[in-house]
Every structure is written in C-alpha cells, then in structure tokens.
Amino acid sequence: MIQVKRQRRTFNDDFKQQMVNLYQYGKSRSELIAEYDLTPSALDRWIAQATHTGSFKTKDNRSPEEQELIALRKELNQLRMENDILKQAALIMGRKSIS
C-alpha cells in the first residue's frame, strides 16, 4: 500500500470552534473527520483545547511544567550569553594589563 503524504493545512480559530461545536451538538467524530478531511489527532486536540482552556493557541494550553521549562531555558540562554560576555571582557582586561 502506497501512502501519500498529506499536504499541511492550517485552520483558523473560527473553523476549529465550528468543528468543536458540531461535535458537541452530536455530530460523530468519524463523520467530521470524513466530511472535512481532517486528521483524527487534529480534531481530538481541538476538542481538548476548547474543553480545557477555550483557546486554540499553543501557549494558552501549556501545562505549568511546560511553562516553567520554557522560562528556565530562556534564563539559561541569557546566563550563557552573559557568561560569554564576561569571559571576553576578562580576556580583554588581561591583555591590557600585560601591555
């Protein structure tokens, strides 16, 4: 069986909300997937997002642990950059004191 790679599509929030509403009003998951040519995982994600936060934006649906991890990575990058600047400054100051 040859599997054709599906072209990536984007959907706006209004469309996602309409799909969630149709599902909540009784249209089956399989009907929505077939009728609108959706992937099951996309529809499931939209339903979960609408249920948990009411938002389809990724940043609004992150867990507290994910938020903390992102913040820590950002802080780590900042500290590495500051450390590199201090190392360069130390090298420059070391050269000046020698001459």
PDB file of N, CA and C in Angstrom:
ATOM      1  N   MET A   1       0.841  -1.180   0.000  1.00  0.00           N
ATOM      2  CA  MET A   1       0.000   0.000   0.000  1.00  0.00           C
ATOM      3  C   MET A   1       0.886   1.244   0.000  1.00  0.00           C
ATOM      4  N   ILE A   2       0.650   2.128  -0.932  1.00  0.00           N
ATOM      5  CA  ILE A   2       1.412   3.368  -1.036  1.00  0.00           C
ATOM      6  C   ILE A   2       0.712   4.439  -0.213  1.00  0.00           C
ATOM      7  N   GLN A   3       1.484   5.085   0.618  1.00  0.00           N
ATOM      8  CA  GLN A   3       0.919   6.130   1.456  1.00  0.00           C
ATOM      9  C   GLN A   3       1.311   7.487   0.890  1.00  0.00           C
ATOM     10  N   VAL A   4       0.321   8.301   0.608  1.00  0.00           N
ATOM     11  CA  VAL A   4       0.559   9.624   0.059  1.00  0.00           C
ATOM     12  C   VAL A   4       0.697  10.607   1.207  1.00  0.00           C
ATOM     13  N   LYS A   5       1.756  11.415   1.145  1.00  0.00           N
ATOM     14  CA  LYS A   5       1.958  12.400   2.201  1.00  0.00           C
ATOM     15  C   LYS A   5       0.928  13.516   2.055  1.00  0.00           C
ATOM     16  N   ARG A   6       0.248  13.783   3.131  1.00  0.00           N
ATOM     17  CA  ARG A   6      -0.795  14.796   3.149  1.00  0.00           C
ATOM     18  C   ARG A   6      -0.174  16.184   3.231  1.00  0.00           C
ATOM     19  N   GLN A   7      -0.697  17.096   2.437  1.00  0.00           N
ATOM     20  CA  GLN A   7      -0.196  18.466   2.482  1.00  0.00           C
ATOM     21  C   GLN A   7      -0.688  19.140   3.762  1.00  0.00           C
ATOM     22  N   ARG A   8       0.207  19.852   4.404  1.00  0.00           N
ATOM     23  CA  ARG A   8      -0.131  20.521   5.668  1.00  0.00           C
ATOM     24  C   ARG A   8      -1.087  21.674   5.403  1.00  0.00           C
ATOM     25  N   ARG A   9      -2.151  21.691   6.165  1.00  0.00           N
ATOM     26  CA  ARG A   9      -3.131  22.761   6.042  1.00  0.00           C
ATOM     27  C   ARG A   9      -3.231  23.491   7.371  1.00  0.00           C
ATOM     28  N   THR A  10      -3.633  24.734   7.307  1.00  0.00           N
ATOM     29  CA  THR A  10      -3.858  25.492   8.535  1.00  0.00           C
ATOM     30  C   THR A  10      -5.330  25.874   8.600  1.00  0.00           C
ATOM     31  N   PHE A  11      -5.844  25.916   9.801  1.00  0.00           N
ATOM     32  CA  PHE A  11      -7.246  26.247  10.028  1.00  0.00           C
ATOM     33  C   PHE A  11      -7.321  27.410  11.008  1.00  0.00           C
ATOM     34  N   ASN A  12      -8.233  28.330  10.759  1.00  0.00           N
ATOM     35  CA  ASN A  12      -8.357  29.450  11.686  1.00  0.00           C
ATOM     36  C   ASN A  12      -9.194  29.030  12.897  1.00  0.00           C
ATOM     37  N   ASP A  13      -9.171  29.854  13.914  1.00  0.00           N
ATOM     38  CA  ASP A  13      -9.851  29.527  15.166  1.00  0.00           C
ATOM     39  C   ASP A  13     -11.358  29.389  14.989  1.00  0.00           C
ATOM     40  N   ASP A  14     -11.951  30.159  14.083  1.00  0.00           N
ATOM     41  CA  ASP A  14     -13.396  30.059  13.849  1.00  0.00           C
ATOM     42  C   ASP A  14     -13.773  28.682  13.315  1.00  0.00           C
ATOM     43  N   PHE A  15     -12.981  28.175  12.370  1.00  0.00           N
ATOM     44  CA  PHE A  15     -13.241  26.852  11.816  1.00  0.00           C
ATOM     45  C   PHE A  15     -13.103  25.786  12.898  1.00  0.00           C
ATOM     46  N   LYS A  16     -12.044  25.888  13.697  1.00  0.00           N
ATOM     47  CA  LYS A  16     -11.830  24.918  14.769  1.00  0.00           C
ATOM     48  C   LYS A  16     -13.007  24.928  15.743  1.00  0.00           C
ATOM     49  N   GLN A  17     -13.471  26.132  16.087  1.00  0.00           N
ATOM     50  CA  GLN A  17     -14.598  26.244  17.015  1.00  0.00           C
ATOM     51  C   GLN A  17     -15.861  25.642  16.406  1.00  0.00           C
ATOM     52  N   GLN A  18     -16.074  25.831  15.107  1.00  0.00           N
ATOM     53  CA  GLN A  18     -17.237  25.237  14.442  1.00  0.00           C
ATOM     54  C   GLN A  18     -17.176  23.712  14.506  1.00  0.00           C
ATOM     55  N   MET A  19     -16.000  23.141  14.309  1.00  0.00           N
ATOM     56  CA  MET A  19     -15.846  21.681  14.375  1.00  0.00           C
ATOM     57  C   MET A  19     -16.139  21.178  15.791  1.00  0.00           C
ATOM     58  N   VAL A  20     -15.639  21.894  16.775  1.00  0.00           N
ATOM     59  CA  VAL A  20     -15.900  21.514  18.172  1.00  0.00           C
ATOM     60  C   VAL A  20     -17.384  21.616  18.467  1.00  0.00           C
ATOM     61  N   ASN A  21     -18.026  22.692  18.009  1.00  0.00           N
ATOM     62  CA  ASN A  21     -19.462  22.861  18.242  1.00  0.00           C
ATOM     63  C   ASN A  21     -20.261  21.745  17.587  1.00  0.00           C
ATOM     64  N   LEU A  22     -19.922  21.396  16.353  1.00  0.00           N
ATOM     65  CA  LEU A  22     -20.622  20.306  15.672  1.00  0.00           C
ATOM     66  C   LEU A  22     -20.480  19.004  16.449  1.00  0.00           C
ATOM     67  N   TYR A  23     -19.279  18.754  16.946  1.00  0.00           N
ATOM     68  CA  TYR A  23     -19.044  17.549  17.739  1.00  0.00           C
ATOM     69  C   TYR A  23     -19.865  17.575  19.031  1.00  0.00           C
ATOM     70  N   GLN A  24     -19.877  18.725  19.695  1.00  0.00           N
ATOM     71  CA  GLN A  24     -20.607  18.837  20.960  1.00  0.00           C
ATOM     72  C   GLN A  24     -22.117  18.742  20.760  1.00  0.00           C
ATOM     73  N   TYR A  25     -22.587  19.146  19.579  1.00  0.00           N
ATOM     74  CA  TYR A  25     -24.019  19.069  19.302  1.00  0.00           C
ATOM     75  C   TYR A  25     -24.439  17.730  18.723  1.00  0.00           C
ATOM     76  N   GLY A  26     -23.518  16.762  18.689  1.00  0.00           N
ATOM     77  CA  GLY A  26     -23.912  15.408  18.361  1.00  0.00           C
ATOM     78  C   GLY A  26     -23.370  14.820  17.073  1.00  0.00           C
ATOM     79  N   LYS A  27     -22.681  15.574  16.265  1.00  0.00           N
ATOM     80  CA  LYS A  27     -22.114  15.001  15.047  1.00  0.00           C
ATOM     81  C   LYS A  27     -20.943  14.114  15.462  1.00  0.00           C
ATOM     82  N   SER A  28     -20.890  12.930  14.885  1.00  0.00           N
ATOM     83  CA  SER A  28     -19.857  11.986  15.323  1.00  0.00           C
ATOM     84  C   SER A  28     -18.470  12.417  14.846  1.00  0.00           C
ATOM     85  N   ARG A  29     -17.496  11.952  15.593  1.00  0.00           N
ATOM     86  CA  ARG A  29     -16.104  12.244  15.295  1.00  0.00           C
ATOM     87  C   ARG A  29     -15.744  11.743  13.900  1.00  0.00           C
ATOM     88  N   SER A  30     -16.149  10.526  13.581  1.00  0.00           N
ATOM     89  CA  SER A  30     -15.816   9.947  12.278  1.00  0.00           C
ATOM     90  C   SER A  30     -16.487  10.692  11.129  1.00  0.00           C
ATOM     91  N   GLU A  31     -17.703  11.197  11.349  1.00  0.00           N
ATOM     92  CA  GLU A  31     -18.377  11.991  10.311  1.00  0.00           C
ATOM     93  C   GLU A  31     -17.619  13.297  10.045  1.00  0.00           C
ATOM     94  N   LEU A  32     -17.215  13.961  11.108  1.00  0.00           N
ATOM     95  CA  LEU A  32     -16.465  15.216  10.947  1.00  0.00           C
ATOM     96  C   LEU A  32     -15.145  14.990  10.224  1.00  0.00           C
ATOM     97  N   ILE A  33     -14.444  13.941  10.610  1.00  0.00           N
ATOM     98  CA  ILE A  33     -13.153  13.636  10.000  1.00  0.00           C
ATOM     99  C   ILE A  33     -13.314  13.367   8.508  1.00  0.00           C
ATOM    100  N   ALA A  34     -14.310  12.571   8.159  1.00  0.00           N
ATOM    101  CA  ALA A  34     -14.535  12.223   6.752  1.00  0.00           C
ATOM    102  C   ALA A  34     -15.047  13.420   5.952  1.00  0.00           C
ATOM    103  N   GLU A  35     -16.024  14.125   6.482  1.00  0.00           N
ATOM    104  CA  GLU A  35     -16.659  15.219   5.746  1.00  0.00           C
ATOM    105  C   GLU A  35     -15.706  16.390   5.495  1.00  0.00           C
ATOM    106  N   TYR A  36     -14.875  16.702   6.469  1.00  0.00           N
ATOM    107  CA  TYR A  36     -13.988  17.864   6.348  1.00  0.00           C
ATOM    108  C   TYR A  36     -12.530  17.474   6.080  1.00  0.00           C
ATOM    109  N   ASP A  37     -12.288  16.180   5.855  1.00  0.00           N
ATOM    110  CA  ASP A  37     -10.953  15.671   5.558  1.00  0.00           C
ATOM    111  C   ASP A  37      -9.932  16.114   6.614  1.00  0.00           C
ATOM    112  N   LEU A  38     -10.268  15.850   7.871  1.00  0.00           N
ATOM    113  CA  LEU A  38      -9.414  16.208   8.999  1.00  0.00           C
ATOM    114  C   LEU A  38      -8.636  14.993   9.468  1.00  0.00           C
ATOM    115  N   THR A  39      -7.560  15.245  10.198  1.00  0.00           N
ATOM    116  CA  THR A  39      -6.869  14.131  10.850  1.00  0.00           C
ATOM    117  C   THR A  39      -7.524  13.926  12.214  1.00  0.00           C
ATOM    118  N   PRO A  40      -7.636  12.671  12.634  1.00  0.00           N
ATOM    119  CA  PRO A  40      -8.237  12.415  13.953  1.00  0.00           C
ATOM    120  C   PRO A  40      -7.517  13.135  15.081  1.00  0.00           C
ATOM    121  N   SER A  41      -6.186  13.199  14.995  1.00  0.00           N
ATOM    122  CA  SER A  41      -5.424  13.848  16.076  1.00  0.00           C
ATOM    123  C   SER A  41      -5.710  15.342  16.147  1.00  0.00           C
ATOM    124  N   ALA A  42      -5.891  15.991  14.995  1.00  0.00           N
ATOM    125  CA  ALA A  42      -6.192  17.433  14.994  1.00  0.00           C
ATOM    126  C   ALA A  42      -7.545  17.689  15.647  1.00  0.00           C
ATOM    127  N   LEU A  43      -8.546  16.930  15.252  1.00  0.00           N
ATOM    128  CA  LEU A  43      -9.877  17.123  15.831  1.00  0.00           C
ATOM    129  C   LEU A  43      -9.860  16.860  17.333  1.00  0.00           C
ATOM    130  N   ASP A  44      -9.205  15.788  17.741  1.00  0.00           N
ATOM    131  CA  ASP A  44      -9.106  15.478  19.176  1.00  0.00           C
ATOM    132  C   ASP A  44      -8.425  16.601  19.945  1.00  0.00           C
ATOM    133  N   ARG A  45      -7.348  17.160  19.356  1.00  0.00           N
ATOM    134  CA  ARG A  45      -6.628  18.252  20.014  1.00  0.00           C
ATOM    135  C   ARG A  45      -7.527  19.478  20.149  1.00  0.00           C
ATOM    136  N   TRP A  46      -8.272  19.813  19.089  1.00  0.00           N
ATOM    137  CA  TRP A  46      -9.169  20.979  19.141  1.00  0.00           C
ATOM    138  C   TRP A  46     -10.241  20.806  20.203  1.00  0.00           C
ATOM    139  N   ILE A  47     -10.792  19.612  20.286  1.00  0.00           N
ATOM    140  CA  ILE A  47     -11.832  19.349  21.289  1.00  0.00           C
ATOM    141  C   ILE A  47     -11.252  19.497  22.691  1.00  0.00           C
ATOM    142  N   ALA A  48     -10.056  18.930  22.906  1.00  0.00           N
ATOM    143  CA  ALA A  48      -9.417  19.021  24.219  1.00  0.00           C
ATOM    144  C   ALA A  48      -9.085  20.467  24.564  1.00  0.00           C
ATOM    145  N   GLN A  49      -8.550  21.216  23.605  1.00  0.00           N
ATOM    146  CA  GLN A  49      -8.197  22.614  23.857  1.00  0.00           C
ATOM    147  C   GLN A  49      -9.432  23.441  24.192  1.00  0.00           C
ATOM    148  N   ALA A  50     -10.511  23.244  23.442  1.00  0.00           N
ATOM    149  CA  ALA A  50     -11.742  24.000  23.688  1.00  0.00           C
ATOM    150  C   ALA A  50     -12.322  23.652  25.049  1.00  0.00           C
ATOM    151  N   THR A  51     -12.185  22.401  25.443  1.00  0.00           N
ATOM    152  CA  THR A  51     -12.723  21.952  26.722  1.00  0.00           C
ATOM    153  C   THR A  51     -11.913  22.487  27.896  1.00  0.00           C
ATOM    154  N   HIS A  52     -10.572  22.436  27.774  1.00  0.00           N
ATOM    155  CA  HIS A  52      -9.711  22.806  28.905  1.00  0.00           C
ATOM    156  C   HIS A  52      -9.556  24.310  29.081  1.00  0.00           C
ATOM    157  N   THR A  53      -9.243  25.027  28.008  1.00  0.00           N
ATOM    158  CA  THR A  53      -8.953  26.456  28.157  1.00  0.00           C
ATOM    159  C   THR A  53      -9.846  27.353  27.317  1.00  0.00           C
ATOM    160  N   GLY A  54     -10.505  26.778  26.327  1.00  0.00           N
ATOM    161  CA  GLY A  54     -11.319  27.595  25.430  1.00  0.00           C
ATOM    162  C   GLY A  54     -10.493  28.322  24.390  1.00  0.00           C
ATOM    163  N   SER A  55      -9.204  28.027  24.337  1.00  0.00           N
ATOM    164  CA  SER A  55      -8.310  28.687  23.398  1.00  0.00           C
ATOM    165  C   SER A  55      -7.616  27.638  22.533  1.00  0.00           C
ATOM    166  N   PHE A  56      -7.369  27.993  21.277  1.00  0.00           N
ATOM    167  CA  PHE A  56      -6.675  27.082  20.376  1.00  0.00           C
ATOM    168  C   PHE A  56      -5.203  27.447  20.224  1.00  0.00           C
ATOM    169  N   LYS A  57      -4.745  28.412  20.979  1.00  0.00           N
ATOM    170  CA  LYS A  57      -3.347  28.831  20.913  1.00  0.00           C
ATOM    171  C   LYS A  57      -2.492  27.900  21.786  1.00  0.00           C
ATOM    172  N   THR A  58      -1.371  27.489  21.235  1.00  0.00           N
ATOM    173  CA  THR A  58      -0.493  26.547  21.927  1.00  0.00           C
ATOM    174  C   THR A  58      -0.042  27.085  23.277  1.00  0.00           C
ATOM    175  N   LYS A  59       0.346  28.364  23.317  1.00  0.00           N
ATOM    176  CA  LYS A  59       0.873  28.908  24.577  1.00  0.00           C
ATOM    177  C   LYS A  59      -0.186  28.935  25.677  1.00  0.00           C
ATOM    178  N   ASP A  60      -1.466  29.019  25.310  1.00  0.00           N
ATOM    179  CA  ASP A  60      -2.530  29.019  26.317  1.00  0.00           C
ATOM    180  C   ASP A  60      -2.816  27.614  26.850  1.00  0.00           C
ATOM    181  N   ASN A  61      -2.360  26.598  26.142  1.00  0.00           N
ATOM    182  CA  ASN A  61      -2.661  25.218  26.515  1.00  0.00           C
ATOM    183  C   ASN A  61      -1.463  24.462  27.078  1.00  0.00           C
ATOM    184  N   ARG A  62      -0.425  25.183  27.441  1.00  0.00           N
ATOM    185  CA  ARG A  62       0.741  24.538  28.040  1.00  0.00           C
ATOM    186  C   ARG A  62       0.492  24.265  29.514  1.00  0.00           C
ATOM    187  N   SER A  63       1.071  23.173  29.976  1.00  0.00           N
ATOM    188  CA  SER A  63       0.972  22.845  31.397  1.00  0.00           C
ATOM    189  C   SER A  63       1.909  23.767  32.174  1.00  0.00           C
ATOM    190  N   PRO A  64       1.714  23.891  33.477  1.00  0.00           N
ATOM    191  CA  PRO A  64       2.631  24.708  34.282  1.00  0.00           C
ATOM    192  C   PRO A  64       4.081  24.227  34.161  1.00  0.00           C
ATOM    193  N   GLU A  65       4.271  22.907  34.047  1.00  0.00           N
ATOM    194  CA  GLU A  65       5.621  22.368  33.910  1.00  0.00           C
ATOM    195  C   GLU A  65       6.247  22.805  32.582  1.00  0.00           C
ATOM    196  N   GLU A  66       5.460  22.798  31.511  1.00  0.00           N
ATOM    197  CA  GLU A  66       5.968  23.244  30.218  1.00  0.00           C
ATOM    198  C   GLU A  66       6.323  24.729  30.258  1.00  0.00           C
ATOM    199  N   GLN A  67       5.478  25.525  30.903  1.00  0.00           N
ATOM    200  CA  GLN A  67       5.750  26.958  31.041  1.00  0.00           C
ATOM    201  C   GLN A  67       7.055  27.187  31.797  1.00  0.00           C
ATOM    202  N   GLU A  68       7.229  26.433  32.883  1.00  0.00           N
ATOM    203  CA  GLU A  68       8.440  26.578  33.686  1.00  0.00           C
ATOM    204  C   GLU A  68       9.677  26.161  32.895  1.00  0.00           C
ATOM    205  N   LEU A  69       9.576  25.072  32.144  1.00  0.00           N
ATOM    206  CA  LEU A  69      10.700  24.604  31.340  1.00  0.00           C
ATOM    207  C   LEU A  69      11.097  25.651  30.308  1.00  0.00           C
ATOM    208  N   ILE A  70      10.136  26.262  29.654  1.00  0.00           N
ATOM    209  CA  ILE A  70      10.417  27.313  28.669  1.00  0.00           C
ATOM    210  C   ILE A  70      11.109  28.492  29.336  1.00  0.00           C
ATOM    211  N   ALA A  71      10.608  28.897  30.508  1.00  0.00           N
ATOM    212  CA  ALA A  71      11.207  30.023  31.234  1.00  0.00           C
ATOM    213  C   ALA A  71      12.641  29.692  31.665  1.00  0.00           C
ATOM    214  N   LEU A  72      12.859  28.467  32.125  1.00  0.00           N
ATOM    215  CA  LEU A  72      14.202  28.073  32.562  1.00  0.00           C
ATOM    216  C   LEU A  72      15.181  28.016  31.392  1.00  0.00           C
ATOM    217  N   ARG A  73      14.722  27.528  30.248  1.00  0.00           N
ATOM    218  CA  ARG A  73      15.593  27.500  29.065  1.00  0.00           C
ATOM    219  C   ARG A  73      15.958  28.912  28.618  1.00  0.00           C
ATOM    220  N   LYS A  74      14.987  29.805  28.694  1.00  0.00           N
ATOM    221  CA  LYS A  74      15.235  31.196  28.328  1.00  0.00           C
ATOM    222  C   LYS A  74      16.263  31.813  29.277  1.00  0.00           C
ATOM    223  N   GLU A  75      16.092  31.556  30.566  1.00  0.00           N
ATOM    224  CA  GLU A  75      17.031  32.077  31.565  1.00  0.00           C
ATOM    225  C   GLU A  75      18.424  31.482  31.364  1.00  0.00           C
ATOM    226  N   LEU A  76      18.495  30.194  31.058  1.00  0.00           N
ATOM    227  CA  LEU A  76      19.779  29.545  30.825  1.00  0.00           C
ATOM    228  C   LEU A  76      20.499  30.179  29.637  1.00  0.00           C
ATOM    229  N   ASN A  77      19.785  30.414  28.565  1.00  0.00           N
ATOM    230  CA  ASN A  77      20.401  31.059  27.396  1.00  0.00           C
ATOM    231  C   ASN A  77      20.911  32.450  27.730  1.00  0.00           C
ATOM    232  N   GLN A  78      20.147  33.202  28.515  1.00  0.00           N
ATOM    233  CA  GLN A  78      20.553  34.540  28.927  1.00  0.00           C
ATOM    234  C   GLN A  78      21.829  34.475  29.770  1.00  0.00           C
ATOM    235  N   LEU A  79      21.863  33.545  30.713  1.00  0.00           N
ATOM    236  CA  LEU A  79      23.035  33.410  31.578  1.00  0.00           C
ATOM    237  C   LEU A  79      24.273  32.966  30.798  1.00  0.00           C
ATOM    238  N   ARG A  80      24.095  32.087  29.825  1.00  0.00           N
ATOM    239  CA  ARG A  80      25.226  31.663  28.990  1.00  0.00           C
ATOM    240  C   ARG A  80      25.778  32.848  28.195  1.00  0.00           C
ATOM    241  N   MET A  81      24.872  33.665  27.674  1.00  0.00           N
ATOM    242  CA  MET A  81      25.298  34.829  26.914  1.00  0.00           C
ATOM    243  C   MET A  81      26.066  35.806  27.814  1.00  0.00           C
ATOM    244  N   GLU A  82      25.546  36.048  29.013  1.00  0.00           N
ATOM    245  CA  GLU A  82      26.229  36.943  29.952  1.00  0.00           C
ATOM    246  C   GLU A  82      27.594  36.376  30.346  1.00  0.00           C
ATOM    247  N   ASN A  83      27.661  35.071  30.540  1.00  0.00           N
ATOM    248  CA  ASN A  83      28.921  34.422  30.895  1.00  0.00           C
ATOM    249  C   ASN A  83      29.943  34.581  29.773  1.00  0.00           C
ATOM    250  N   ASP A  84      29.515  34.416  28.530  1.00  0.00           N
ATOM    251  CA  ASP A  84      30.418  34.604  27.387  1.00  0.00           C
ATOM    252  C   ASP A  84      30.932  36.045  27.320  1.00  0.00           C
ATOM    253  N   ILE A  85      30.067  37.002  27.609  1.00  0.00           N
ATOM    254  CA  ILE A  85      30.472  38.415  27.608  1.00  0.00           C
ATOM    255  C   ILE A  85      31.517  38.658  28.688  1.00  0.00           C
ATOM    256  N   LEU A  86      31.299  38.108  29.874  1.00  0.00           N
ATOM    257  CA  LEU A  86      32.266  38.271  30.966  1.00  0.00           C
ATOM    258  C   LEU A  86      33.611  37.616  30.634  1.00  0.00           C
ATOM    259  N   LYS A  87      33.571  36.458  29.977  1.00  0.00           N
ATOM    260  CA  LYS A  87      34.827  35.805  29.579  1.00  0.00           C
ATOM    261  C   LYS A  87      35.591  36.673  28.592  1.00  0.00           C
ATOM    262  N   GLN A  88      34.890  37.242  27.623  1.00  0.00           N
ATOM    263  CA  GLN A  88      35.534  38.117  26.645  1.00  0.00           C
ATOM    264  C   GLN A  88      36.116  39.355  27.322  1.00  0.00           C
ATOM    265  N   ALA A  89      35.363  39.926  28.252  1.00  0.00           N
ATOM    266  CA  ALA A  89      35.839  41.111  28.977  1.00  0.00           C
ATOM    267  C   ALA A  89      37.088  40.772  29.783  1.00  0.00           C
ATOM    268  N   ALA A  90      37.124  39.612  30.412  1.00  0.00           N
ATOM    269  CA  ALA A  90      38.290  39.191  31.194  1.00  0.00           C
ATOM    270  C   ALA A  90      39.509  39.030  30.297  1.00  0.00           C
ATOM    271  N   LEU A  91      39.296  38.476  29.101  1.00  0.00           N
ATOM    272  CA  LEU A  91      40.418  38.330  28.159  1.00  0.00           C
ATOM    273  C   LEU A  91      40.952  39.692  27.733  1.00  0.00           C
ATOM    274  N   ILE A  92      40.064  40.611  27.451  1.00  0.00           N
ATOM    275  CA  ILE A  92      40.469  41.959  27.022  1.00  0.00           C
ATOM    276  C   ILE A  92      41.213  42.666  28.154  1.00  0.00           C
ATOM    277  N   MET A  93      40.682  42.585  29.366  1.00  0.00           N
ATOM    278  CA  MET A  93      41.328  43.230  30.507  1.00  0.00           C
ATOM    279  C   MET A  93      42.686  42.588  30.793  1.00  0.00           C
ATOM    280  N   GLY A  94      42.789  41.295  30.607  1.00  0.00           N
ATOM    281  CA  GLY A  94      44.053  40.602  30.822  1.00  0.00           C
ATOM    282  C   GLY A  94      45.100  41.059  29.827  1.00  0.00           C
ATOM    283  N   ARG A  95      44.717  41.284  28.600  1.00  0.00           N
ATOM    284  CA  ARG A  95      45.662  41.756  27.590  1.00  0.00           C
ATOM    285  C   ARG A  95      46.114  43.171  27.882  1.00  0.00           C
ATOM    286  N   LYS A  96      45.191  44.003  28.372  1.00  0.00           N
ATOM    287  CA  LYS A  96      45.532  45.408  28.660  1.00  0.00           C
ATOM    288  C   LYS A  96      46.518  45.508  29.821  1.00  0.00           C
ATOM    289  N   SER A  97      46.386  44.648  30.824  1.00  0.00           N
ATOM    290  CA  SER A  97      47.283  44.734  31.976  1.00  0.00           C
ATOM    291  C   SER A  97      48.687  44.225  31.659  1.00  0.00           C
ATOM    292  N   ILE A  98      48.789  43.369  30.639  1.00  0.00           N
ATOM    293  CA  ILE A  98      50.093  42.849  30.232  1.00  0.00           C
ATOM    294  C   ILE A  98      50.876  43.935  29.474  1.00  0.00           C
ATOM    295  N   SER A  99      50.211  44.701  28.628  1.00  0.00           N
ATOM    296  CA  SER A  99      50.925  45.695  27.814  1.00  0.00           C
ATOM    297  C   SER A  99      51.184  46.984  28.509  1.00  0.00           C
TER     298      SER A  99
END
